[in-house]
Amino acid sequence: MSSINVVETADALPTAWNSYSLGEVGAACVKVLRMDSSPVQEEVHGADEVLLVLNGRLELLVEGTEVIVETGEMYRVPAGTPHAVGPGSHGTLVIVEESGA
């Protein structure tokens, strides 16, 4: 397998906020997406989700509390936790979640 430029892969995606699977490791799926300052409605997942900001900024609302995740930082959203993305989030986001979640 060759290396993958994750930022270039995200930049080439035709639509923001639609993730692209980079591959699986055990029971985890690693995805990338491009954030474009648009908000994303609240969602809840049945498994933990790890959000890693490669560049830019992710503005989350987690159970009513604002959480800012900056470049190089990650945030774990526990299973069953309502969370939404606020306007202004931009850059490249890597998501690690259970396969099939």
PDB file of N, CA and C in Angstrom:
ATOM      1  N   MET A   1       0.839  -1.176   0.000  1.00  0.00           N
ATOM      2  CA  MET A   1       0.000   0.000   0.000  1.00  0.00           C
ATOM      3  C   MET A   1       0.882   1.238   0.000  1.00  0.00           C
ATOM      4  N   SER A   2       0.494   2.230  -0.750  1.00  0.00           N
ATOM      5  CA  SER A   2       1.254   3.479  -0.782  1.00  0.00           C
ATOM      6  C   SER A   2       0.677   4.467   0.226  1.00  0.00           C
ATOM      7  N   SER A   3       1.424   5.521   0.482  1.00  0.00           N
ATOM      8  CA  SER A   3       0.953   6.532   1.429  1.00  0.00           C
ATOM      9  C   SER A   3      -0.182   7.349   0.809  1.00  0.00           C
ATOM     10  N   ILE A   4      -0.963   7.963   1.677  1.00  0.00           N
ATOM     11  CA  ILE A   4      -2.110   8.771   1.250  1.00  0.00           C
ATOM     12  C   ILE A   4      -1.921  10.170   1.809  1.00  0.00           C
ATOM     13  N   ASN A   5      -2.026  11.172   0.949  1.00  0.00           N
ATOM     14  CA  ASN A   5      -2.020  12.548   1.427  1.00  0.00           C
ATOM     15  C   ASN A   5      -3.452  12.866   1.839  1.00  0.00           C
ATOM     16  N   VAL A   6      -3.693  12.881   3.125  1.00  0.00           N
ATOM     17  CA  VAL A   6      -5.051  13.008   3.656  1.00  0.00           C
ATOM     18  C   VAL A   6      -5.645  14.378   3.349  1.00  0.00           C
ATOM     19  N   VAL A   7      -4.854  15.430   3.460  1.00  0.00           N
ATOM     20  CA  VAL A   7      -5.360  16.777   3.189  1.00  0.00           C
ATOM     21  C   VAL A   7      -5.735  16.917   1.715  1.00  0.00           C
ATOM     22  N   GLU A   8      -4.887  16.437   0.815  1.00  0.00           N
ATOM     23  CA  GLU A   8      -5.215  16.501  -0.622  1.00  0.00           C
ATOM     24  C   GLU A   8      -6.453  15.672  -0.941  1.00  0.00           C
ATOM     25  N   THR A   9      -6.597  14.528  -0.297  1.00  0.00           N
ATOM     26  CA  THR A   9      -7.774  13.683  -0.509  1.00  0.00           C
ATOM     27  C   THR A   9      -9.036  14.419  -0.094  1.00  0.00           C
ATOM     28  N   ALA A  10      -8.998  15.076   1.073  1.00  0.00           N
ATOM     29  CA  ALA A  10     -10.159  15.839   1.546  1.00  0.00           C
ATOM     30  C   ALA A  10     -10.454  17.005   0.609  1.00  0.00           C
ATOM     31  N   ASP A  11      -9.412  17.723   0.192  1.00  0.00           N
ATOM     32  CA  ASP A  11      -9.599  18.881  -0.694  1.00  0.00           C
ATOM     33  C   ASP A  11     -10.227  18.481  -2.034  1.00  0.00           C
ATOM     34  N   ALA A  12      -9.972  17.256  -2.475  1.00  0.00           N
ATOM     35  CA  ALA A  12     -10.484  16.790  -3.766  1.00  0.00           C
ATOM     36  C   ALA A  12     -11.919  16.267  -3.695  1.00  0.00           C
ATOM     37  N   LEU A  13     -12.465  16.124  -2.485  1.00  0.00           N
ATOM     38  CA  LEU A  13     -13.835  15.616  -2.367  1.00  0.00           C
ATOM     39  C   LEU A  13     -14.809  16.623  -2.979  1.00  0.00           C
ATOM     40  N   PRO A  14     -15.775  16.139  -3.752  1.00  0.00           N
ATOM     41  CA  PRO A  14     -16.685  17.053  -4.444  1.00  0.00           C
ATOM     42  C   PRO A  14     -17.645  17.808  -3.530  1.00  0.00           C
ATOM     43  N   THR A  15     -17.936  17.259  -2.369  1.00  0.00           N
ATOM     44  CA  THR A  15     -18.906  17.869  -1.470  1.00  0.00           C
ATOM     45  C   THR A  15     -18.353  17.894  -0.050  1.00  0.00           C
ATOM     46  N   ALA A  16     -18.483  19.048   0.597  1.00  0.00           N
ATOM     47  CA  ALA A  16     -18.067  19.155   1.996  1.00  0.00           C
ATOM     48  C   ALA A  16     -18.997  18.325   2.877  1.00  0.00           C
ATOM     49  N   TRP A  17     -18.475  17.905   4.003  1.00  0.00           N
ATOM     50  CA  TRP A  17     -19.212  17.170   5.028  1.00  0.00           C
ATOM     51  C   TRP A  17     -19.644  15.768   4.598  1.00  0.00           C
ATOM     52  N   ASN A  18     -19.198  15.285   3.449  1.00  0.00           N
ATOM     53  CA  ASN A  18     -19.428  13.892   3.052  1.00  0.00           C
ATOM     54  C   ASN A  18     -18.105  13.165   3.205  1.00  0.00           C
ATOM     55  N   SER A  19     -18.053  12.228   4.126  1.00  0.00           N
ATOM     56  CA  SER A  19     -16.792  11.569   4.434  1.00  0.00           C
ATOM     57  C   SER A  19     -16.410  10.542   3.373  1.00  0.00           C
ATOM     58  N   TYR A  20     -15.105  10.301   3.304  1.00  0.00           N
ATOM     59  CA  TYR A  20     -14.518   9.321   2.399  1.00  0.00           C
ATOM     60  C   TYR A  20     -13.704   8.359   3.257  1.00  0.00           C
ATOM     61  N   SER A  21     -13.946   7.065   3.100  1.00  0.00           N
ATOM     62  CA  SER A  21     -13.239   6.065   3.887  1.00  0.00           C
ATOM     63  C   SER A  21     -11.825   5.867   3.349  1.00  0.00           C
ATOM     64  N   LEU A  22     -10.841   6.052   4.236  1.00  0.00           N
ATOM     65  CA  LEU A  22      -9.441   5.825   3.882  1.00  0.00           C
ATOM     66  C   LEU A  22      -9.046   4.375   4.096  1.00  0.00           C
ATOM     67  N   GLY A  23      -9.799   3.664   4.954  1.00  0.00           N
ATOM     68  CA  GLY A  23      -9.506   2.266   5.214  1.00  0.00           C
ATOM     69  C   GLY A  23      -9.971   1.856   6.600  1.00  0.00           C
ATOM     70  N   GLU A  24      -9.767   0.586   6.899  1.00  0.00           N
ATOM     71  CA  GLU A  24     -10.165   0.038   8.188  1.00  0.00           C
ATOM     72  C   GLU A  24      -8.952  -0.537   8.906  1.00  0.00           C
ATOM     73  N   VAL A  25      -8.989  -0.411  10.223  1.00  0.00           N
ATOM     74  CA  VAL A  25      -7.969  -0.998  11.087  1.00  0.00           C
ATOM     75  C   VAL A  25      -8.724  -1.743  12.169  1.00  0.00           C
ATOM     76  N   GLY A  26      -8.689  -3.060  12.121  1.00  0.00           N
ATOM     77  CA  GLY A  26      -9.477  -3.850  13.067  1.00  0.00           C
ATOM     78  C   GLY A  26     -10.946  -3.516  12.900  1.00  0.00           C
ATOM     79  N   ALA A  27     -11.592  -3.120  13.979  1.00  0.00           N
ATOM     80  CA  ALA A  27     -13.019  -2.782  13.943  1.00  0.00           C
ATOM     81  C   ALA A  27     -13.257  -1.296  13.683  1.00  0.00           C
ATOM     82  N   ALA A  28     -12.174  -0.541  13.417  1.00  0.00           N
ATOM     83  CA  ALA A  28     -12.309   0.905  13.230  1.00  0.00           C
ATOM     84  C   ALA A  28     -12.212   1.293  11.755  1.00  0.00           C
ATOM     85  N   CYS A  29     -13.023   2.261  11.386  1.00  0.00           N
ATOM     86  CA  CYS A  29     -12.990   2.839  10.047  1.00  0.00           C
ATOM     87  C   CYS A  29     -12.388   4.236  10.171  1.00  0.00           C
ATOM     88  N   VAL A  30     -11.431   4.551   9.306  1.00  0.00           N
ATOM     89  CA  VAL A  30     -10.794   5.868   9.297  1.00  0.00           C
ATOM     90  C   VAL A  30     -11.325   6.620   8.078  1.00  0.00           C
ATOM     91  N   LYS A  31     -11.935   7.782   8.343  1.00  0.00           N
ATOM     92  CA  LYS A  31     -12.549   8.574   7.275  1.00  0.00           C
ATOM     93  C   LYS A  31     -11.967   9.979   7.278  1.00  0.00           C
ATOM     94  N   VAL A  32     -12.073  10.648   6.150  1.00  0.00           N
ATOM     95  CA  VAL A  32     -11.651  12.038   6.045  1.00  0.00           C
ATOM     96  C   VAL A  32     -12.786  12.835   5.407  1.00  0.00           C
ATOM     97  N   LEU A  33     -12.882  14.109   5.775  1.00  0.00           N
ATOM     98  CA  LEU A  33     -13.845  14.987   5.116  1.00  0.00           C
ATOM     99  C   LEU A  33     -13.337  16.413   5.134  1.00  0.00           C
ATOM    100  N   ARG A  34     -13.950  17.209   4.290  1.00  0.00           N
ATOM    101  CA  ARG A  34     -13.632  18.624   4.171  1.00  0.00           C
ATOM    102  C   ARG A  34     -14.745  19.420   4.832  1.00  0.00           C
ATOM    103  N   MET A  35     -14.354  20.295   5.768  1.00  0.00           N
ATOM    104  CA  MET A  35     -15.315  21.171   6.439  1.00  0.00           C
ATOM    105  C   MET A  35     -15.355  22.496   5.678  1.00  0.00           C
ATOM    106  N   ASP A  36     -16.547  23.089   5.526  1.00  0.00           N
ATOM    107  CA  ASP A  36     -16.662  24.315   4.714  1.00  0.00           C
ATOM    108  C   ASP A  36     -17.406  25.451   5.399  1.00  0.00           C
ATOM    109  N   SER A  37     -17.369  25.536   6.679  1.00  0.00           N
ATOM    110  CA  SER A  37     -18.014  26.601   7.468  1.00  0.00           C
ATOM    111  C   SER A  37     -19.524  26.450   7.612  1.00  0.00           C
ATOM    112  N   SER A  38     -20.111  25.458   6.968  1.00  0.00           N
ATOM    113  CA  SER A  38     -21.553  25.221   7.108  1.00  0.00           C
ATOM    114  C   SER A  38     -21.824  24.426   8.381  1.00  0.00           C
ATOM    115  N   PRO A  39     -22.935  24.708   9.062  1.00  0.00           N
ATOM    116  CA  PRO A  39     -23.281  23.909  10.238  1.00  0.00           C
ATOM    117  C   PRO A  39     -23.795  22.525   9.837  1.00  0.00           C
ATOM    118  N   VAL A  40     -23.724  21.607  10.765  1.00  0.00           N
ATOM    119  CA  VAL A  40     -24.247  20.254  10.558  1.00  0.00           C
ATOM    120  C   VAL A  40     -25.191  19.961  11.718  1.00  0.00           C
ATOM    121  N   GLN A  41     -26.381  19.465  11.393  1.00  0.00           N
ATOM    122  CA  GLN A  41     -27.400  19.198  12.406  1.00  0.00           C
ATOM    123  C   GLN A  41     -26.934  18.170  13.428  1.00  0.00           C
ATOM    124  N   GLU A  42     -27.577  18.215  14.578  1.00  0.00           N
ATOM    125  CA  GLU A  42     -27.251  17.304  15.668  1.00  0.00           C
ATOM    126  C   GLU A  42     -27.422  15.852  15.236  1.00  0.00           C
ATOM    127  N   GLU A  43     -26.499  15.016  15.721  1.00  0.00           N
ATOM    128  CA  GLU A  43     -26.563  13.586  15.452  1.00  0.00           C
ATOM    129  C   GLU A  43     -26.091  12.830  16.676  1.00  0.00           C
ATOM    130  N   VAL A  44     -26.417  11.542  16.706  1.00  0.00           N
ATOM    131  CA  VAL A  44     -26.020  10.653  17.794  1.00  0.00           C
ATOM    132  C   VAL A  44     -25.559   9.353  17.156  1.00  0.00           C
ATOM    133  N   HIS A  45     -24.472   8.791  17.674  1.00  0.00           N
ATOM    134  CA  HIS A  45     -23.947   7.535  17.145  1.00  0.00           C
ATOM    135  C   HIS A  45     -24.000   6.452  18.214  1.00  0.00           C
ATOM    136  N   GLY A  46     -24.082   5.214  17.772  1.00  0.00           N
ATOM    137  CA  GLY A  46     -24.139   4.087  18.689  1.00  0.00           C
ATOM    138  C   GLY A  46     -22.791   3.644  19.204  1.00  0.00           C
ATOM    139  N   ALA A  47     -21.717   4.243  18.689  1.00  0.00           N
ATOM    140  CA  ALA A  47     -20.362   3.906  19.128  1.00  0.00           C
ATOM    141  C   ALA A  47     -19.574   5.199  19.306  1.00  0.00           C
ATOM    142  N   ASP A  48     -18.480   5.131  20.080  1.00  0.00           N
ATOM    143  CA  ASP A  48     -17.618   6.294  20.232  1.00  0.00           C
ATOM    144  C   ASP A  48     -17.125   6.752  18.865  1.00  0.00           C
ATOM    145  N   GLU A  49     -16.825   8.037  18.782  1.00  0.00           N
ATOM    146  CA  GLU A  49     -16.311   8.625  17.554  1.00  0.00           C
ATOM    147  C   GLU A  49     -15.154   9.540  17.940  1.00  0.00           C
ATOM    148  N   VAL A  50     -14.022   9.419  17.253  1.00  0.00           N
ATOM    149  CA  VAL A  50     -12.880  10.289  17.493  1.00  0.00           C
ATOM    150  C   VAL A  50     -12.781  11.259  16.327  1.00  0.00           C
ATOM    151  N   LEU A  51     -12.680  12.554  16.637  1.00  0.00           N
ATOM    152  CA  LEU A  51     -12.602  13.609  15.634  1.00  0.00           C
ATOM    153  C   LEU A  51     -11.232  14.270  15.759  1.00  0.00           C
ATOM    154  N   LEU A  52     -10.429  14.218  14.695  1.00  0.00           N
ATOM    155  CA  LEU A  52      -9.075  14.752  14.676  1.00  0.00           C
ATOM    156  C   LEU A  52      -8.991  15.845  13.616  1.00  0.00           C
ATOM    157  N   VAL A  53      -8.682  17.062  14.039  1.00  0.00           N
ATOM    158  CA  VAL A  53      -8.579  18.187  13.109  1.00  0.00           C
ATOM    159  C   VAL A  53      -7.144  18.252  12.592  1.00  0.00           C
ATOM    160  N   LEU A  54      -6.965  17.964  11.290  1.00  0.00           N
ATOM    161  CA  LEU A  54      -5.624  18.038  10.705  1.00  0.00           C
ATOM    162  C   LEU A  54      -5.226  19.480  10.438  1.00  0.00           C
ATOM    163  N   ASN A  55      -6.195  20.267   9.965  1.00  0.00           N
ATOM    164  CA  ASN A  55      -5.964  21.698   9.800  1.00  0.00           C
ATOM    165  C   ASN A  55      -7.309  22.395   9.907  1.00  0.00           C
ATOM    166  N   GLY A  56      -7.271  23.647  10.314  1.00  0.00           N
ATOM    167  CA  GLY A  56      -8.510  24.390  10.482  1.00  0.00           C
ATOM    168  C   GLY A  56      -9.010  24.348  11.905  1.00  0.00           C
ATOM    169  N   ARG A  57     -10.342  24.312  12.022  1.00  0.00           N
ATOM    170  CA  ARG A  57     -10.982  24.411  13.343  1.00  0.00           C
ATOM    171  C   ARG A  57     -12.360  23.751  13.286  1.00  0.00           C
ATOM    172  N   LEU A  58     -12.674  22.969  14.292  1.00  0.00           N
ATOM    173  CA  LEU A  58     -13.975  22.319  14.413  1.00  0.00           C
ATOM    174  C   LEU A  58     -14.697  22.935  15.604  1.00  0.00           C
ATOM    175  N   GLU A  59     -15.895  23.467  15.357  1.00  0.00           N
ATOM    176  CA  GLU A  59     -16.702  24.064  16.413  1.00  0.00           C
ATOM    177  C   GLU A  59     -17.890  23.144  16.670  1.00  0.00           C
ATOM    178  N   LEU A  60     -17.834  22.451  17.798  1.00  0.00           N
ATOM    179  CA  LEU A  60     -18.861  21.479  18.161  1.00  0.00           C
ATOM    180  C   LEU A  60     -19.792  22.047  19.221  1.00  0.00           C
ATOM    181  N   LEU A  61     -20.993  21.521  19.231  1.00  0.00           N
ATOM    182  CA  LEU A  61     -21.925  21.737  20.326  1.00  0.00           C
ATOM    183  C   LEU A  61     -22.244  20.343  20.849  1.00  0.00           C
ATOM    184  N   VAL A  62     -21.728  20.023  22.025  1.00  0.00           N
ATOM    185  CA  VAL A  62     -21.853  18.680  22.602  1.00  0.00           C
ATOM    186  C   VAL A  62     -22.744  18.775  23.834  1.00  0.00           C
ATOM    187  N   GLU A  63     -23.934  18.201  23.725  1.00  0.00           N
ATOM    188  CA  GLU A  63     -24.919  18.257  24.811  1.00  0.00           C
ATOM    189  C   GLU A  63     -25.090  19.685  25.322  1.00  0.00           C
ATOM    190  N   GLY A  64     -25.150  20.639  24.394  1.00  0.00           N
ATOM    191  CA  GLY A  64     -25.386  22.032  24.747  1.00  0.00           C
ATOM    192  C   GLY A  64     -24.156  22.826  25.139  1.00  0.00           C
ATOM    193  N   THR A  65     -22.988  22.191  25.174  1.00  0.00           N
ATOM    194  CA  THR A  65     -21.747  22.870  25.544  1.00  0.00           C
ATOM    195  C   THR A  65     -20.871  23.055  24.313  1.00  0.00           C
ATOM    196  N   GLU A  66     -20.352  24.286  24.123  1.00  0.00           N
ATOM    197  CA  GLU A  66     -19.473  24.559  22.993  1.00  0.00           C
ATOM    198  C   GLU A  66     -18.100  23.944  23.241  1.00  0.00           C
ATOM    199  N   VAL A  67     -17.598  23.236  22.237  1.00  0.00           N
ATOM    200  CA  VAL A  67     -16.275  22.623  22.295  1.00  0.00           C
ATOM    201  C   VAL A  67     -15.535  23.037  21.027  1.00  0.00           C
ATOM    202  N   ILE A  68     -14.372  23.645  21.180  1.00  0.00           N
ATOM    203  CA  ILE A  68     -13.551  24.048  20.041  1.00  0.00           C
ATOM    204  C   ILE A  68     -12.385  23.082  19.933  1.00  0.00           C
ATOM    205  N   VAL A  69     -12.196  22.519  18.729  1.00  0.00           N
ATOM    206  CA  VAL A  69     -11.095  21.605  18.471  1.00  0.00           C
ATOM    207  C   VAL A  69     -10.231  22.259  17.395  1.00  0.00           C
ATOM    208  N   GLU A  70      -8.999  22.576  17.759  1.00  0.00           N
ATOM    209  CA  GLU A  70      -8.085  23.297  16.871  1.00  0.00           C
ATOM    210  C   GLU A  70      -7.181  22.327  16.098  1.00  0.00           C
ATOM    211  N   THR A  71      -6.432  22.864  15.138  1.00  0.00           N
ATOM    212  CA  THR A  71      -5.463  22.090  14.367  1.00  0.00           C
ATOM    213  C   THR A  71      -4.579  21.251  15.278  1.00  0.00           C
ATOM    214  N   GLY A  72      -4.475  19.973  14.954  1.00  0.00           N
ATOM    215  CA  GLY A  72      -3.628  19.067  15.723  1.00  0.00           C
ATOM    216  C   GLY A  72      -4.291  18.480  16.953  1.00  0.00           C
ATOM    217  N   GLU A  73      -5.512  18.886  17.240  1.00  0.00           N
ATOM    218  CA  GLU A  73      -6.218  18.377  18.412  1.00  0.00           C
ATOM    219  C   GLU A  73      -7.263  17.342  18.006  1.00  0.00           C
ATOM    220  N   MET A  74      -7.632  16.504  18.970  1.00  0.00           N
ATOM    221  CA  MET A  74      -8.701  15.534  18.725  1.00  0.00           C
ATOM    222  C   MET A  74      -9.684  15.580  19.883  1.00  0.00           C
ATOM    223  N   TYR A  75     -10.889  15.099  19.589  1.00  0.00           N
ATOM    224  CA  TYR A  75     -11.951  15.069  20.584  1.00  0.00           C
ATOM    225  C   TYR A  75     -12.702  13.754  20.429  1.00  0.00           C
ATOM    226  N   ARG A  76     -12.974  13.085  21.553  1.00  0.00           N
ATOM    227  CA  ARG A  76     -13.740  11.834  21.512  1.00  0.00           C
ATOM    228  C   ARG A  76     -15.168  12.131  21.923  1.00  0.00           C
ATOM    229  N   VAL A  77     -16.098  11.770  21.047  1.00  0.00           N
ATOM    230  CA  VAL A  77     -17.519  11.895  21.346  1.00  0.00           C
ATOM    231  C   VAL A  77     -17.992  10.518  21.807  1.00  0.00           C
ATOM    232  N   PRO A  78     -18.378  10.382  23.070  1.00  0.00           N
ATOM    233  CA  PRO A  78     -18.829   9.076  23.562  1.00  0.00           C
ATOM    234  C   PRO A  78     -20.113   8.614  22.862  1.00  0.00           C
ATOM    235  N   ALA A  79     -20.276   7.328  22.751  1.00  0.00           N
ATOM    236  CA  ALA A  79     -21.487   6.749  22.164  1.00  0.00           C
ATOM    237  C   ALA A  79     -22.716   7.320  22.847  1.00  0.00           C
ATOM    238  N   GLY A  80     -23.742   7.623  22.058  1.00  0.00           N
ATOM    239  CA  GLY A  80     -24.993   8.106  22.597  1.00  0.00           C
ATOM    240  C   GLY A  80     -25.023   9.582  22.943  1.00  0.00           C
ATOM    241  N   THR A  81     -23.946  10.311  22.657  1.00  0.00           N
ATOM    242  CA  THR A  81     -23.867  11.730  23.001  1.00  0.00           C
ATOM    243  C   THR A  81     -24.329  12.596  21.833  1.00  0.00           C
ATOM    244  N   PRO A  82     -25.378  13.394  22.016  1.00  0.00           N
ATOM    245  CA  PRO A  82     -25.814  14.299  20.949  1.00  0.00           C
ATOM    246  C   PRO A  82     -24.746  15.368  20.689  1.00  0.00           C
ATOM    247  N   HIS A  83     -24.432  15.592  19.404  1.00  0.00           N
ATOM    248  CA  HIS A  83     -23.454  16.611  19.042  1.00  0.00           C
ATOM    249  C   HIS A  83     -23.792  17.179  17.666  1.00  0.00           C
ATOM    250  N   ALA A  84     -23.450  18.446  17.483  1.00  0.00           N
ATOM    251  CA  ALA A  84     -23.696  19.152  16.225  1.00  0.00           C
ATOM    252  C   ALA A  84     -22.461  19.979  15.906  1.00  0.00           C
ATOM    253  N   VAL A  85     -22.342  20.385  14.646  1.00  0.00           N
ATOM    254  CA  VAL A  85     -21.236  21.230  14.213  1.00  0.00           C
ATOM    255  C   VAL A  85     -21.771  22.634  13.983  1.00  0.00           C
ATOM    256  N   GLY A  86     -21.112  23.602  14.597  1.00  0.00           N
ATOM    257  CA  GLY A  86     -21.526  24.984  14.441  1.00  0.00           C
ATOM    258  C   GLY A  86     -20.954  25.619  13.195  1.00  0.00           C
ATOM    259  N   PRO A  87     -21.539  26.731  12.755  1.00  0.00           N
ATOM    260  CA  PRO A  87     -21.016  27.451  11.603  1.00  0.00           C
ATOM    261  C   PRO A  87     -19.606  27.960  11.897  1.00  0.00           C
ATOM    262  N   GLY A  88     -18.791  27.978  10.894  1.00  0.00           N
ATOM    263  CA  GLY A  88     -17.414  28.450  11.057  1.00  0.00           C
ATOM    264  C   GLY A  88     -16.382  27.345  11.074  1.00  0.00           C
ATOM    265  N   SER A  89     -16.812  26.099  11.228  1.00  0.00           N
ATOM    266  CA  SER A  89     -15.863  24.983  11.175  1.00  0.00           C
ATOM    267  C   SER A  89     -15.302  24.894   9.762  1.00  0.00           C
ATOM    268  N   HIS A  90     -13.988  24.728   9.660  1.00  0.00           N
ATOM    269  CA  HIS A  90     -13.358  24.681   8.340  1.00  0.00           C
ATOM    270  C   HIS A  90     -12.067  23.865   8.411  1.00  0.00           C
ATOM    271  N   GLY A  91     -11.646  23.329   7.288  1.00  0.00           N
ATOM    272  CA  GLY A  91     -10.400  22.584   7.217  1.00  0.00           C
ATOM    273  C   GLY A  91     -10.622  21.112   6.935  1.00  0.00           C
ATOM    274  N   THR A  92      -9.697  20.302   7.438  1.00  0.00           N
ATOM    275  CA  THR A  92      -9.701  18.861   7.184  1.00  0.00           C
ATOM    276  C   THR A  92      -9.927  18.114   8.485  1.00  0.00           C
ATOM    277  N   LEU A  93     -10.892  17.199   8.463  1.00  0.00           N
ATOM    278  CA  LEU A  93     -11.256  16.421   9.646  1.00  0.00           C
ATOM    279  C   LEU A  93     -11.104  14.942   9.360  1.00  0.00           C
ATOM    280  N   VAL A  94     -10.432  14.240  10.279  1.00  0.00           N
ATOM    281  CA  VAL A  94     -10.334  12.778  10.229  1.00  0.00           C
ATOM    282  C   VAL A  94     -11.281  12.243  11.306  1.00  0.00           C
ATOM    283  N   ILE A  95     -12.078  11.248  10.928  1.00  0.00           N
ATOM    284  CA  ILE A  95     -13.016  10.613  11.848  1.00  0.00           C
ATOM    285  C   ILE A  95     -12.617   9.149  11.982  1.00  0.00           C
ATOM    286  N   VAL A  96     -12.511   8.683  13.213  1.00  0.00           N
ATOM    287  CA  VAL A  96     -12.262   7.262  13.474  1.00  0.00           C
ATOM    288  C   VAL A  96     -13.459   6.750  14.252  1.00  0.00           C
ATOM    289  N   GLU A  97     -14.122   5.759  13.683  1.00  0.00           N
ATOM    290  CA  GLU A  97     -15.311   5.201  14.318  1.00  0.00           C
ATOM    291  C   GLU A  97     -15.392   3.712  14.042  1.00  0.00           C
ATOM    292  N   GLU A  98     -16.253   3.050  14.774  1.00  0.00           N
ATOM    293  CA  GLU A  98     -16.443   1.621  14.579  1.00  0.00           C
ATOM    294  C   GLU A  98     -16.963   1.371  13.165  1.00  0.00           C
ATOM    295  N   SER A  99     -16.411   0.372  12.490  1.00  0.00           N
ATOM    296  CA  SER A  99     -16.869   0.041  11.142  1.00  0.00           C
ATOM    297  C   SER A  99     -18.358  -0.250  11.148  1.00  0.00           C
ATOM    298  N   GLY A 100     -19.062   0.308  10.169  1.00  0.00           N
ATOM    299  CA  GLY A 100     -20.482   0.099  10.055  1.00  0.00           C
ATOM    300  C   GLY A 100     -21.309   1.021  10.926  1.00  0.00           C
ATOM    301  N   ALA A 101     -20.652   1.886  11.691  1.00  0.00           N
ATOM    302  CA  ALA A 101     -21.377   2.821  12.582  1.00  0.00           C
ATOM    303  C   ALA A 101     -21.902   4.010  11.807  1.00  0.00           C
TER     304      ALA A 101
END
